[in-house]
Amino acid sequence: MEHPYTFDPQNHRVVTNVVKNNNIQIGTVALYAFSLYAYNRRFLRIDGNGVAAGAFAAFSLPASYAYARFMLGDSMNEAALMNNAREGKQ
């Protein structure tokens, strides 16, 4: 199977044409904003519990990132980024 990446001639373990995917951050922000909006409409307006709202806001950010990374991420691109980070070239 042919791979879509070009490797550095000096260090054959470093990928030179890999680009970080910004769609994951955009998806995270969109999902997080929608979840806070939905929580505000469904729960915060009714009971007004600020502690629960703060806990929901704190715990929904990593969950939003995980969902966005699962839905919008590319496994080959992430593997190339992790490889370059391990080699110290990122």
Protein backbone atom coordinates (compact mmCIF):
# COMPACT_ATOMS: atom_id res chain seq x y z
CA MET A 1 0.00 0.00 0.00
CA GLU A 2 1.35 3.41 -0.96
CA HIS A 3 1.50 6.01 1.80
CA PRO A 4 0.54 9.66 1.17
CA TYR A 5 3.44 11.21 3.09
CA THR A 6 6.91 12.42 2.20
CA PHE A 7 9.72 11.65 4.63
CA ASP A 8 12.73 13.76 5.53
CA PRO A 9 15.91 12.64 3.72
CA GLN A 10 18.11 13.10 6.83
CA ASN A 11 15.75 11.34 9.24
CA HIS A 12 13.47 8.83 7.51
CA ARG A 13 11.15 8.65 10.52
CA VAL A 14 10.04 12.32 10.24
CA VAL A 15 7.08 13.18 8.01
CA THR A 16 7.52 16.49 6.17
CA ASN A 17 4.12 17.14 4.59
CA VAL A 18 1.78 16.64 7.55
CA VAL A 19 -0.62 19.45 8.53
CA LYS A 20 -2.55 19.74 11.79
CA ASN A 21 -6.31 19.48 11.29
CA ASN A 22 -8.10 22.62 12.51
CA ASN A 23 -11.53 21.06 12.03
CA ILE A 24 -11.18 19.32 15.38
CA GLN A 25 -10.87 22.61 17.26
CA ILE A 26 -13.73 24.17 15.31
CA GLY A 27 -15.92 21.13 15.98
CA THR A 28 -15.00 21.19 19.67
CA VAL A 29 -15.98 24.83 20.04
CA ALA A 30 -19.24 24.33 18.15
CA LEU A 31 -20.22 21.25 20.15
CA TYR A 32 -19.23 22.86 23.46
CA ALA A 33 -21.20 26.02 22.72
CA PHE A 34 -24.25 24.01 21.69
CA SER A 35 -24.06 21.83 24.80
CA LEU A 36 -23.88 24.90 27.08
CA TYR A 37 -26.78 26.47 25.21
CA ALA A 38 -28.85 23.29 25.52
CA TYR A 39 -27.98 22.92 29.22
CA ASN A 40 -28.99 26.52 29.86
CA ARG A 41 -32.34 26.05 28.13
CA ARG A 42 -33.12 22.68 29.71
CA PHE A 43 -31.77 22.86 33.29
CA LEU A 44 -30.23 26.18 34.36
CA ARG A 45 -33.31 28.21 33.51
CA ILE A 46 -35.48 25.93 35.65
CA ASP A 47 -33.45 25.28 38.81
CA GLY A 48 -30.75 28.01 38.69
CA ASN A 49 -28.10 25.75 40.24
CA GLY A 50 -24.81 27.48 39.47
CA VAL A 51 -22.64 24.73 40.94
CA ALA A 52 -24.17 22.12 38.66
CA ALA A 53 -23.83 24.48 35.71
CA GLY A 54 -20.14 25.02 36.50
CA ALA A 55 -19.56 21.29 36.82
CA PHE A 56 -21.34 20.67 33.52
CA ALA A 57 -19.25 23.36 31.82
CA ALA A 58 -16.02 21.89 33.20
CA PHE A 59 -16.80 18.30 32.26
CA SER A 60 -18.41 18.96 28.89
CA LEU A 61 -15.28 20.57 27.40
CA PRO A 62 -13.17 17.36 27.41
CA ALA A 63 -16.20 15.39 26.26
CA SER A 64 -16.76 17.81 23.36
CA TYR A 65 -13.11 17.46 22.38
CA ALA A 66 -13.32 13.67 22.49
CA TYR A 67 -16.45 13.58 20.33
CA ALA A 68 -15.02 16.07 17.81
CA ARG A 69 -11.74 14.19 17.63
CA PHE A 70 -13.57 10.92 17.04
CA MET A 71 -15.90 12.31 14.37
CA LEU A 72 -13.54 14.72 12.55
CA GLY A 73 -10.09 13.25 13.15
CA ASP A 74 -8.00 11.31 10.67
CA SER A 75 -6.05 8.43 12.16
CA MET A 76 -3.18 8.60 9.63
CA ASN A 77 -2.74 12.33 10.18
CA GLU A 78 -2.74 11.94 13.96
CA ALA A 79 -0.23 9.11 13.73
CA ALA A 80 2.09 11.29 11.64
CA LEU A 81 1.77 14.18 14.11
CA MET A 82 2.49 11.89 17.07
CA ASN A 83 5.48 10.42 15.24
CA ASN A 84 6.92 13.88 14.55
CA ALA A 85 6.35 14.92 18.16
CA ARG A 86 8.15 11.81 19.35
CA GLU A 87 11.06 12.59 17.02
CA GLY A 88 11.20 16.19 18.30
CA LYS A 89 10.43 17.86 15.00
CA GLN A 90 7.11 19.48 15.83
